[in-house]
Structures are given as structure tokens and as C-alpha cells.
């Protein structure tokens, strides 16, 4: 599962990493939550004019996929994650897996250890090395009753690797730069041709950092949510959570 993540890499570094010739500026974001806008990287459709040599472009999407067949999003679960093992079978995801795969740039993600504990313990999973990582994503554009279009997305998850399994049983699927083109090119590569990419990240991909429960509240959006936890510090006050939305 991935319920919170961050993107603090500069726009220029993101553009370079994903071979984009242009990318609108954005501020560092330390505590991104479902229903908020996220940056996704997609590849131009065959009938679209390529935006650069790679054909890739960045766009904002609501984190929480709305299937194209949905009538009323309010009646659906919040599809911010999709299990990679069953996405090809589920009506909510199988169309996007076949035709609308995307990449979600991230500078790390958060997970909570819950088993046998009264209060879940938050951790920041920080990538080792420089630059962002790319989560495997699915994109869908929902046509609302008033004629407006809403771009939406979900992050694919897989069973956790050995180093993360003590915290949580799931983790986001990571796509390596060498596999960006194969993942994004839905015309050339059908789901069976990219199934090998839906695997846990290598065991040393992330540094595990215990952090305070400030990350629990969406209202806490500053870099302090990633500060390593000092057990001797008193717990900081946590304001009530407030979800953001594109609706």
C-alpha cells in the first residue's frame, strides 16, 4: 500500500530524469495524500503530436482513479492504489493497464507499522541515491456530467521486499529508467509484455527512517514531517486531518 508520498526533487531534475523538454514549475511537497493533485508522466498517443523526442509529457492528475465507466464517483471506493497482481482482471483498472500506463515521480513514501501496536508507527522510505524514483501508475480521464474532464491516477503496488516487509506487506511498484519506455508505450507493449516489471524493488533501494506522527495529518506539509524521530522528544501536537481535492 502507498497512502502518502513526497516529491521534493526540483522541476528541472524531474524533467531531466524523465526526458521532458518542459515542465511547469511546482513547489516541493512533503506529504502528498489521496485526492490531491499529483504529477504523472505519460507518453503521447499515436494521433497526438509528440511534445519532444521521447514523446513524454507531464500533467497533473487527481490521486484516486475514477474509471471511465463510472456514473457517480461519490459511490465508488477511493482507488488510489491498485494491486499489480489483479489489476489486469479488475474492471476499474484493466483498461488503464492496457492503454493508459503512467509514471508517478516521487522522492520517497511513507508507511506505518501496525501489527501488535496500539498506535501505528510512521516511517519515511527514502530512496538511496540521487534523483526521484518512478512509481508505476495507471491513468484515466473521467468525463463528468457537466462535460468537464478530470484526469485521475492510481499507483500500482506489489508485495514488499525483504527489508520493508517488517513494516508493511505492500509497497509501490518501482520502474527503473531503463524500463520507462516499455512501461509507457502502451501501443507497443501489452500487459503481458510488461508483467515482469511488476516486482518488488531491490532490498537496498530504500533507507528506512522513523519519523514523528506529524505525517498523519494532511495539514502538516512542511519538511519537518521527514525529520528523523528522536525518542527523547515529546510528541508534537497533531491538528485534525483535512483532505484536499480537485473536485
C-alpha atoms as a PDB file:
ATOM      1  CA  UNK A   1       0.000   0.000   0.000  1.00  0.00           C
ATOM      2  CA  UNK A   2       1.073   3.581  -0.571  1.00  0.00           C
ATOM      3  CA  UNK A   3      -1.077   6.165   1.194  1.00  0.00           C
ATOM      4  CA  UNK A   4       1.343   9.101   1.372  1.00  0.00           C
ATOM      5  CA  UNK A   5       4.440  10.101  -0.570  1.00  0.00           C
ATOM      6  CA  UNK A   6       6.616  13.112  -1.290  1.00  0.00           C
ATOM      7  CA  UNK A   7       8.032  14.913  -4.311  1.00  0.00           C
ATOM      8  CA  UNK A   8      10.731  17.359  -3.288  1.00  0.00           C
ATOM      9  CA  UNK A   9      13.022  16.997  -6.314  1.00  0.00           C
ATOM     10  CA  UNK A  10      13.295  20.206  -8.356  1.00  0.00           C
ATOM     11  CA  UNK A  11      11.235  20.514 -11.554  1.00  0.00           C
ATOM     12  CA  UNK A  12      14.436  20.732 -13.618  1.00  0.00           C
ATOM     13  CA  UNK A  13      15.756  17.498 -12.107  1.00  0.00           C
ATOM     14  CA  UNK A  14      12.431  15.747 -12.697  1.00  0.00           C
ATOM     15  CA  UNK A  15      12.357  16.935 -16.317  1.00  0.00           C
ATOM     16  CA  UNK A  16      15.889  15.667 -16.895  1.00  0.00           C
ATOM     17  CA  UNK A  17      15.238  12.317 -15.226  1.00  0.00           C
ATOM     18  CA  UNK A  18      12.147  11.635 -17.337  1.00  0.00           C
ATOM     19  CA  UNK A  19      13.465  13.167 -20.602  1.00  0.00           C
ATOM     20  CA  UNK A  20      10.992  16.047 -20.701  1.00  0.00           C
ATOM     21  CA  UNK A  21      11.797  19.221 -22.596  1.00  0.00           C
ATOM     22  CA  UNK A  22       9.422  21.287 -20.477  1.00  0.00           C
ATOM     23  CA  UNK A  23       7.667  21.015 -17.150  1.00  0.00           C
ATOM     24  CA  UNK A  24       5.646  23.609 -15.314  1.00  0.00           C
ATOM     25  CA  UNK A  25       7.209  24.748 -12.019  1.00  0.00           C
ATOM     26  CA  UNK A  26       5.926  23.208  -8.786  1.00  0.00           C
ATOM     27  CA  UNK A  27       6.836  23.588  -5.107  1.00  0.00           C
ATOM     28  CA  UNK A  28       8.384  20.811  -3.004  1.00  0.00           C
ATOM     29  CA  UNK A  29       5.661  18.643  -1.471  1.00  0.00           C
ATOM     30  CA  UNK A  30       6.462  16.621   1.624  1.00  0.00           C
ATOM     31  CA  UNK A  31       3.135  14.984   2.475  1.00  0.00           C
ATOM     32  CA  UNK A  32       1.021  14.149  -0.575  1.00  0.00           C
ATOM     33  CA  UNK A  33      -2.289  12.439   0.218  1.00  0.00           C
ATOM     34  CA  UNK A  34      -5.052  10.759  -1.813  1.00  0.00           C
ATOM     35  CA  UNK A  35      -7.481  13.084  -3.649  1.00  0.00           C
ATOM     36  CA  UNK A  36      -4.741  15.708  -4.009  1.00  0.00           C
ATOM     37  CA  UNK A  37      -3.208  16.557  -7.400  1.00  0.00           C
ATOM     38  CA  UNK A  38      -0.078  14.602  -8.299  1.00  0.00           C
ATOM     39  CA  UNK A  39       2.378  14.818 -11.186  1.00  0.00           C
ATOM     40  CA  UNK A  40       2.228  11.948 -13.663  1.00  0.00           C
ATOM     41  CA  UNK A  41       4.381  11.274 -16.714  1.00  0.00           C
ATOM     42  CA  UNK A  42       2.680   9.917 -19.831  1.00  0.00           C
ATOM     43  CA  UNK A  43       3.538   9.210 -23.448  1.00  0.00           C
ATOM     44  CA  UNK A  44       1.746  10.953 -26.306  1.00  0.00           C
ATOM     45  CA  UNK A  45      -0.934   8.933 -28.089  1.00  0.00           C
ATOM     46  CA  UNK A  46      -0.159   7.898 -31.688  1.00  0.00           C
ATOM     47  CA  UNK A  47      -2.548  10.529 -33.081  1.00  0.00           C
ATOM     48  CA  UNK A  48      -1.055  13.299 -30.914  1.00  0.00           C
ATOM     49  CA  UNK A  49       1.837  15.496 -31.940  1.00  0.00           C
ATOM     50  CA  UNK A  50       4.841  14.411 -29.819  1.00  0.00           C
ATOM     51  CA  UNK A  51       5.849  17.101 -27.331  1.00  0.00           C
ATOM     52  CA  UNK A  52       9.536  16.114 -27.541  1.00  0.00           C
ATOM     53  CA  UNK A  53      11.767  13.378 -28.931  1.00  0.00           C
ATOM     54  CA  UNK A  54      10.718  10.966 -26.175  1.00  0.00           C
ATOM     55  CA  UNK A  55       7.026  11.717 -26.693  1.00  0.00           C
ATOM     56  CA  UNK A  56       6.653  12.093 -22.917  1.00  0.00           C
ATOM     57  CA  UNK A  57       4.862  14.853 -21.071  1.00  0.00           C
ATOM     58  CA  UNK A  58       3.942  15.714 -17.503  1.00  0.00           C
ATOM     59  CA  UNK A  59       0.441  16.522 -16.296  1.00  0.00           C
ATOM     60  CA  UNK A  60      -1.456  16.882 -13.046  1.00  0.00           C
ATOM     61  CA  UNK A  61      -3.971  14.226 -12.062  1.00  0.00           C
ATOM     62  CA  UNK A  62      -6.185  13.603  -9.065  1.00  0.00           C
ATOM     63  CA  UNK A  63      -4.666  10.865  -6.922  1.00  0.00           C
ATOM     64  CA  UNK A  64      -7.569   8.467  -6.909  1.00  0.00           C
ATOM     65  CA  UNK A  65      -8.503   6.812 -10.198  1.00  0.00           C
ATOM     66  CA  UNK A  66     -12.076   7.211 -11.457  1.00  0.00           C
ATOM     67  CA  UNK A  67     -12.904   4.553 -14.073  1.00  0.00           C
ATOM     68  CA  UNK A  68     -14.244   5.901 -17.342  1.00  0.00           C
ATOM     69  CA  UNK A  69     -17.470   3.906 -16.911  1.00  0.00           C
ATOM     70  CA  UNK A  70     -18.275   5.475 -13.521  1.00  0.00           C
ATOM     71  CA  UNK A  71     -21.564   7.373 -13.282  1.00  0.00           C
ATOM     72  CA  UNK A  72     -21.118   8.942  -9.851  1.00  0.00           C
ATOM     73  CA  UNK A  73     -17.601   8.965  -8.305  1.00  0.00           C
ATOM     74  CA  UNK A  74     -19.121   9.524  -4.868  1.00  0.00           C
ATOM     75  CA  UNK A  75     -20.469   5.963  -4.927  1.00  0.00           C
ATOM     76  CA  UNK A  76     -17.045   4.379  -5.615  1.00  0.00           C
ATOM     77  CA  UNK A  77     -14.172   3.458  -3.298  1.00  0.00           C
ATOM     78  CA  UNK A  78     -11.130   5.732  -3.483  1.00  0.00           C
ATOM     79  CA  UNK A  79      -8.905   3.868  -5.950  1.00  0.00           C
ATOM     80  CA  UNK A  80      -5.574   5.472  -5.066  1.00  0.00           C
ATOM     81  CA  UNK A  81      -3.752   2.102  -5.129  1.00  0.00           C
ATOM     82  CA  UNK A  82      -4.170  -0.897  -7.422  1.00  0.00           C
ATOM     83  CA  UNK A  83      -2.818  -4.371  -6.679  1.00  0.00           C
ATOM     84  CA  UNK A  84      -0.483  -5.286  -9.532  1.00  0.00           C
ATOM     85  CA  UNK A  85      -1.351  -8.975  -9.235  1.00  0.00           C
ATOM     86  CA  UNK A  86      -5.030  -8.421 -10.092  1.00  0.00           C
ATOM     87  CA  UNK A  87      -5.137  -5.096 -11.990  1.00  0.00           C
ATOM     88  CA  UNK A  88      -5.470  -6.921 -15.326  1.00  0.00           C
ATOM     89  CA  UNK A  89      -8.655  -8.597 -14.055  1.00  0.00           C
ATOM     90  CA  UNK A  90     -10.468  -5.725 -12.362  1.00  0.00           C
ATOM     91  CA  UNK A  91     -12.862  -3.576 -14.373  1.00  0.00           C
ATOM     92  CA  UNK A  92     -11.628  -0.450 -12.581  1.00  0.00           C
ATOM     93  CA  UNK A  93      -8.032  -0.924 -13.764  1.00  0.00           C
ATOM     94  CA  UNK A  94      -7.693  -3.289 -16.711  1.00  0.00           C
ATOM     95  CA  UNK A  95      -8.414  -0.657 -19.372  1.00  0.00           C
ATOM     96  CA  UNK A  96      -5.842   1.743 -17.933  1.00  0.00           C
ATOM     97  CA  UNK A  97      -3.267  -1.069 -17.585  1.00  0.00           C
ATOM     98  CA  UNK A  98      -3.687  -1.848 -21.253  1.00  0.00           C
ATOM     99  CA  UNK A  99      -3.937   1.648 -22.703  1.00  0.00           C
ATOM    100  CA  UNK A 100      -3.036   4.354 -20.173  1.00  0.00           C
ATOM    101  CA  UNK A 101       0.004   3.491 -18.078  1.00  0.00           C
ATOM    102  CA  UNK A 102       1.926   6.347 -16.483  1.00  0.00           C
ATOM    103  CA  UNK A 103       4.836   7.060 -14.146  1.00  0.00           C
ATOM    104  CA  UNK A 104       4.477   8.894 -10.836  1.00  0.00           C
ATOM    105  CA  UNK A 105       7.661  10.780  -9.798  1.00  0.00           C
ATOM    106  CA  UNK A 106       8.409  10.573  -6.072  1.00  0.00           C
ATOM    107  CA  UNK A 107      11.150  11.422  -3.604  1.00  0.00           C
ATOM    108  CA  UNK A 108      10.046   8.734  -1.151  1.00  0.00           C
ATOM    109  CA  UNK A 109       6.921   7.407   0.530  1.00  0.00           C
ATOM    110  CA  UNK A 110       5.524   6.774   3.997  1.00  0.00           C
ATOM    111  CA  UNK A 111       4.351   3.577   5.602  1.00  0.00           C
ATOM    112  CA  UNK A 112       3.005   2.664   9.022  1.00  0.00           C
ATOM    113  CA  UNK A 113       3.900  -0.368  11.133  1.00  0.00           C
ATOM    114  CA  UNK A 114       0.698  -1.529  12.788  1.00  0.00           C
ATOM    115  CA  UNK A 115       0.989  -5.168  13.860  1.00  0.00           C
ATOM    116  CA  UNK A 116       0.712  -5.618  17.628  1.00  0.00           C
ATOM    117  CA  UNK A 117       0.881  -1.899  18.368  1.00  0.00           C
ATOM    118  CA  UNK A 118      -1.774   0.368  19.848  1.00  0.00           C
ATOM    119  CA  UNK A 119      -0.577   3.298  17.735  1.00  0.00           C
ATOM    120  CA  UNK A 120       0.865   2.800  14.222  1.00  0.00           C
ATOM    121  CA  UNK A 121       4.483   3.891  13.833  1.00  0.00           C
ATOM    122  CA  UNK A 122       5.221   6.014  10.736  1.00  0.00           C
ATOM    123  CA  UNK A 123       8.338   5.587   8.625  1.00  0.00           C
ATOM    124  CA  UNK A 124       9.710   7.517   5.671  1.00  0.00           C
ATOM    125  CA  UNK A 125      11.097   5.277   2.935  1.00  0.00           C
ATOM    126  CA  UNK A 126      13.838   7.373   1.383  1.00  0.00           C
ATOM    127  CA  UNK A 127      15.417   6.271  -1.913  1.00  0.00           C
ATOM    128  CA  UNK A 128      19.139   5.637  -1.804  1.00  0.00           C
ATOM    129  CA  UNK A 129      20.987   7.719  -4.359  1.00  0.00           C
ATOM    130  CA  UNK A 130      20.144  10.993  -6.037  1.00  0.00           C
ATOM    131  CA  UNK A 131      17.109  11.967  -8.030  1.00  0.00           C
ATOM    132  CA  UNK A 132      13.494  10.848  -7.918  1.00  0.00           C
ATOM    133  CA  UNK A 133      12.111   7.364  -8.283  1.00  0.00           C
ATOM    134  CA  UNK A 134       9.215   6.399 -10.544  1.00  0.00           C
ATOM    135  CA  UNK A 135       6.158   4.568  -9.239  1.00  0.00           C
ATOM    136  CA  UNK A 136       4.180   2.541 -11.760  1.00  0.00           C
ATOM    137  CA  UNK A 137       0.867   4.295 -12.300  1.00  0.00           C
ATOM    138  CA  UNK A 138      -2.413   3.962 -14.153  1.00  0.00           C
ATOM    139  CA  UNK A 139      -4.189   6.977 -15.662  1.00  0.00           C
ATOM    140  CA  UNK A 140      -7.836   7.559 -16.531  1.00  0.00           C
ATOM    141  CA  UNK A 141      -9.757  10.633 -17.671  1.00  0.00           C
ATOM    142  CA  UNK A 142     -13.251  10.873 -16.239  1.00  0.00           C
ATOM    143  CA  UNK A 143     -15.934  12.767 -18.133  1.00  0.00           C
ATOM    144  CA  UNK A 144     -18.215  14.426 -15.587  1.00  0.00           C
ATOM    145  CA  UNK A 145     -21.936  15.005 -16.104  1.00  0.00           C
ATOM    146  CA  UNK A 146     -21.337  18.715 -16.740  1.00  0.00           C
ATOM    147  CA  UNK A 147     -18.957  17.893 -19.602  1.00  0.00           C
ATOM    148  CA  UNK A 148     -15.753  18.660 -17.706  1.00  0.00           C
ATOM    149  CA  UNK A 149     -12.838  16.232 -17.788  1.00  0.00           C
ATOM    150  CA  UNK A 150     -10.905  15.135 -14.708  1.00  0.00           C
ATOM    151  CA  UNK A 151      -7.529  13.426 -15.113  1.00  0.00           C
ATOM    152  CA  UNK A 152      -7.049  10.795 -12.401  1.00  0.00           C
ATOM    153  CA  UNK A 153      -4.428   8.214 -11.466  1.00  0.00           C
ATOM    154  CA  UNK A 154      -3.628   5.293  -9.168  1.00  0.00           C
ATOM    155  CA  UNK A 155      -0.325   3.786  -8.012  1.00  0.00           C
ATOM    156  CA  UNK A 156       0.326   0.071  -8.504  1.00  0.00           C
ATOM    157  CA  UNK A 157       1.542  -1.919  -5.502  1.00  0.00           C
ATOM    158  CA  UNK A 158       3.248  -5.272  -5.033  1.00  0.00           C
ATOM    159  CA  UNK A 159       4.330  -7.453  -2.122  1.00  0.00           C
ATOM    160  CA  UNK A 160       7.027  -5.745  -0.039  1.00  0.00           C
ATOM    161  CA  UNK A 161      10.676  -6.694  -0.404  1.00  0.00           C
ATOM    162  CA  UNK A 162      12.586  -8.285   2.476  1.00  0.00           C
ATOM    163  CA  UNK A 163      13.759  -5.006   4.028  1.00  0.00           C
ATOM    164  CA  UNK A 164      10.296  -3.397   4.070  1.00  0.00           C
ATOM    165  CA  UNK A 165       8.215  -6.448   4.980  1.00  0.00           C
ATOM    166  CA  UNK A 166       8.746  -5.872   8.709  1.00  0.00           C
ATOM    167  CA  UNK A 167       6.860  -2.568   8.337  1.00  0.00           C
ATOM    168  CA  UNK A 168       4.158  -3.387   5.792  1.00  0.00           C
ATOM    169  CA  UNK A 169       3.248  -6.227   3.458  1.00  0.00           C
ATOM    170  CA  UNK A 170       2.889  -3.988   0.365  1.00  0.00           C
ATOM    171  CA  UNK A 171       4.979  -1.356  -1.435  1.00  0.00           C
ATOM    172  CA  UNK A 172       4.695   0.720  -4.625  1.00  0.00           C
ATOM    173  CA  UNK A 173       5.970  -0.831  -7.854  1.00  0.00           C
ATOM    174  CA  UNK A 174       9.145   0.968  -8.961  1.00  0.00           C
ATOM    175  CA  UNK A 175      10.013   1.334 -12.641  1.00  0.00           C
ATOM    176  CA  UNK A 176      13.707   1.744 -13.417  1.00  0.00           C
ATOM    177  CA  UNK A 177      14.803   4.354 -16.007  1.00  0.00           C
ATOM    178  CA  UNK A 178      15.852   1.619 -18.443  1.00  0.00           C
ATOM    179  CA  UNK A 179      12.239   0.396 -18.426  1.00  0.00           C
ATOM    180  CA  UNK A 180      10.448   3.767 -18.724  1.00  0.00           C
ATOM    181  CA  UNK A 181       9.802   3.401 -22.440  1.00  0.00           C
ATOM    182  CA  UNK A 182       8.482  -0.136 -22.194  1.00  0.00           C
ATOM    183  CA  UNK A 183       6.139   0.828 -19.369  1.00  0.00           C
ATOM    184  CA  UNK A 184       4.801   3.972 -21.061  1.00  0.00           C
ATOM    185  CA  UNK A 185       4.449   2.637 -24.603  1.00  0.00           C
ATOM    186  CA  UNK A 186       1.030   1.014 -24.356  1.00  0.00           C
ATOM    187  CA  UNK A 187       0.717   0.666 -28.109  1.00  0.00           C
ATOM    188  CA  UNK A 188       3.825  -1.476 -28.471  1.00  0.00           C
ATOM    189  CA  UNK A 189       3.751  -3.350 -25.152  1.00  0.00           C
ATOM    190  CA  UNK A 190       0.622  -5.111 -23.922  1.00  0.00           C
ATOM    191  CA  UNK A 191       0.210  -6.052 -20.220  1.00  0.00           C
ATOM    192  CA  UNK A 192       1.776  -9.476 -20.769  1.00  0.00           C
ATOM    193  CA  UNK A 193       4.912  -7.789 -22.128  1.00  0.00           C
ATOM    194  CA  UNK A 194       5.420  -5.639 -19.030  1.00  0.00           C
ATOM    195  CA  UNK A 195       4.355  -8.174 -16.377  1.00  0.00           C
ATOM    196  CA  UNK A 196       7.989  -8.745 -15.389  1.00  0.00           C
ATOM    197  CA  UNK A 197       8.226  -5.096 -14.267  1.00  0.00           C
ATOM    198  CA  UNK A 198       5.579  -5.627 -11.576  1.00  0.00           C
ATOM    199  CA  UNK A 199       8.000  -6.828  -8.936  1.00  0.00           C
ATOM    200  CA  UNK A 200       9.309  -5.580  -5.577  1.00  0.00           C
ATOM    201  CA  UNK A 201      12.207  -3.129  -5.594  1.00  0.00           C
ATOM    202  CA  UNK A 202      15.614  -4.486  -4.696  1.00  0.00           C
ATOM    203  CA  UNK A 203      16.175  -4.846  -0.944  1.00  0.00           C
ATOM    204  CA  UNK A 204      18.628  -1.923  -0.716  1.00  0.00           C
ATOM    205  CA  UNK A 205      16.510   0.535  -2.723  1.00  0.00           C
ATOM    206  CA  UNK A 206      15.280   2.490   0.318  1.00  0.00           C
ATOM    207  CA  UNK A 207      16.605   3.822   3.592  1.00  0.00           C
ATOM    208  CA  UNK A 208      14.044   3.339   6.362  1.00  0.00           C
ATOM    209  CA  UNK A 209      13.686   6.408   8.597  1.00  0.00           C
ATOM    210  CA  UNK A 210      11.399   6.511  11.653  1.00  0.00           C
ATOM    211  CA  UNK A 211       9.512   9.829  11.740  1.00  0.00           C
ATOM    212  CA  UNK A 212       7.004  11.521  14.044  1.00  0.00           C
ATOM    213  CA  UNK A 213       3.253  11.159  13.707  1.00  0.00           C
ATOM    214  CA  UNK A 214       3.032  14.684  12.288  1.00  0.00           C
ATOM    215  CA  UNK A 215       2.835  12.984   8.904  1.00  0.00           C
ATOM    216  CA  UNK A 216      -0.534  11.515   9.923  1.00  0.00           C
ATOM    217  CA  UNK A 217      -2.221  14.889   9.386  1.00  0.00           C
ATOM    218  CA  UNK A 218      -2.562  16.172   5.825  1.00  0.00           C
ATOM    219  CA  UNK A 219      -2.371  19.719   7.204  1.00  0.00           C
ATOM    220  CA  UNK A 220       1.312  19.136   8.058  1.00  0.00           C
ATOM    221  CA  UNK A 221       3.017  19.802   4.737  1.00  0.00           C
ATOM    222  CA  UNK A 222       6.484  21.028   5.705  1.00  0.00           C
ATOM    223  CA  UNK A 223       9.878  19.275   5.690  1.00  0.00           C
ATOM    224  CA  UNK A 224       9.578  18.569   9.418  1.00  0.00           C
ATOM    225  CA  UNK A 225       7.394  15.532   8.634  1.00  0.00           C
ATOM    226  CA  UNK A 226      10.545  13.827   7.326  1.00  0.00           C
ATOM    227  CA  UNK A 227      12.720  14.699  10.323  1.00  0.00           C
ATOM    228  CA  UNK A 228      14.155  11.508  11.884  1.00  0.00           C
ATOM    229  CA  UNK A 229      12.374  10.679  15.108  1.00  0.00           C
ATOM    230  CA  UNK A 230      14.187  11.312  18.375  1.00  0.00           C
ATOM    231  CA  UNK A 231      12.562   9.101  21.029  1.00  0.00           C
ATOM    232  CA  UNK A 232      13.517  11.660  23.709  1.00  0.00           C
ATOM    233  CA  UNK A 233      11.465  14.417  22.069  1.00  0.00           C
ATOM    234  CA  UNK A 234       7.863  14.895  23.263  1.00  0.00           C
ATOM    235  CA  UNK A 235       5.293  14.058  20.563  1.00  0.00           C
ATOM    236  CA  UNK A 236       4.199  17.191  18.678  1.00  0.00           C
ATOM    237  CA  UNK A 237       0.519  18.181  18.605  1.00  0.00           C
ATOM    238  CA  UNK A 238      -1.365  16.902  15.562  1.00  0.00           C
ATOM    239  CA  UNK A 239      -4.180  19.026  14.082  1.00  0.00           C
ATOM    240  CA  UNK A 240      -7.274  17.372  12.622  1.00  0.00           C
ATOM    241  CA  UNK A 241      -6.765  15.880   9.163  1.00  0.00           C
ATOM    242  CA  UNK A 242      -8.263  17.743   6.217  1.00  0.00           C
ATOM    243  CA  UNK A 243      -8.345  16.133   2.761  1.00  0.00           C
ATOM    244  CA  UNK A 244      -7.630  18.234  -0.302  1.00  0.00           C
ATOM    245  CA  UNK A 245      -9.485  17.568  -3.552  1.00  0.00           C
ATOM    246  CA  UNK A 246      -9.606  18.519  -7.207  1.00  0.00           C
ATOM    247  CA  UNK A 247     -13.428  18.405  -7.181  1.00  0.00           C
END
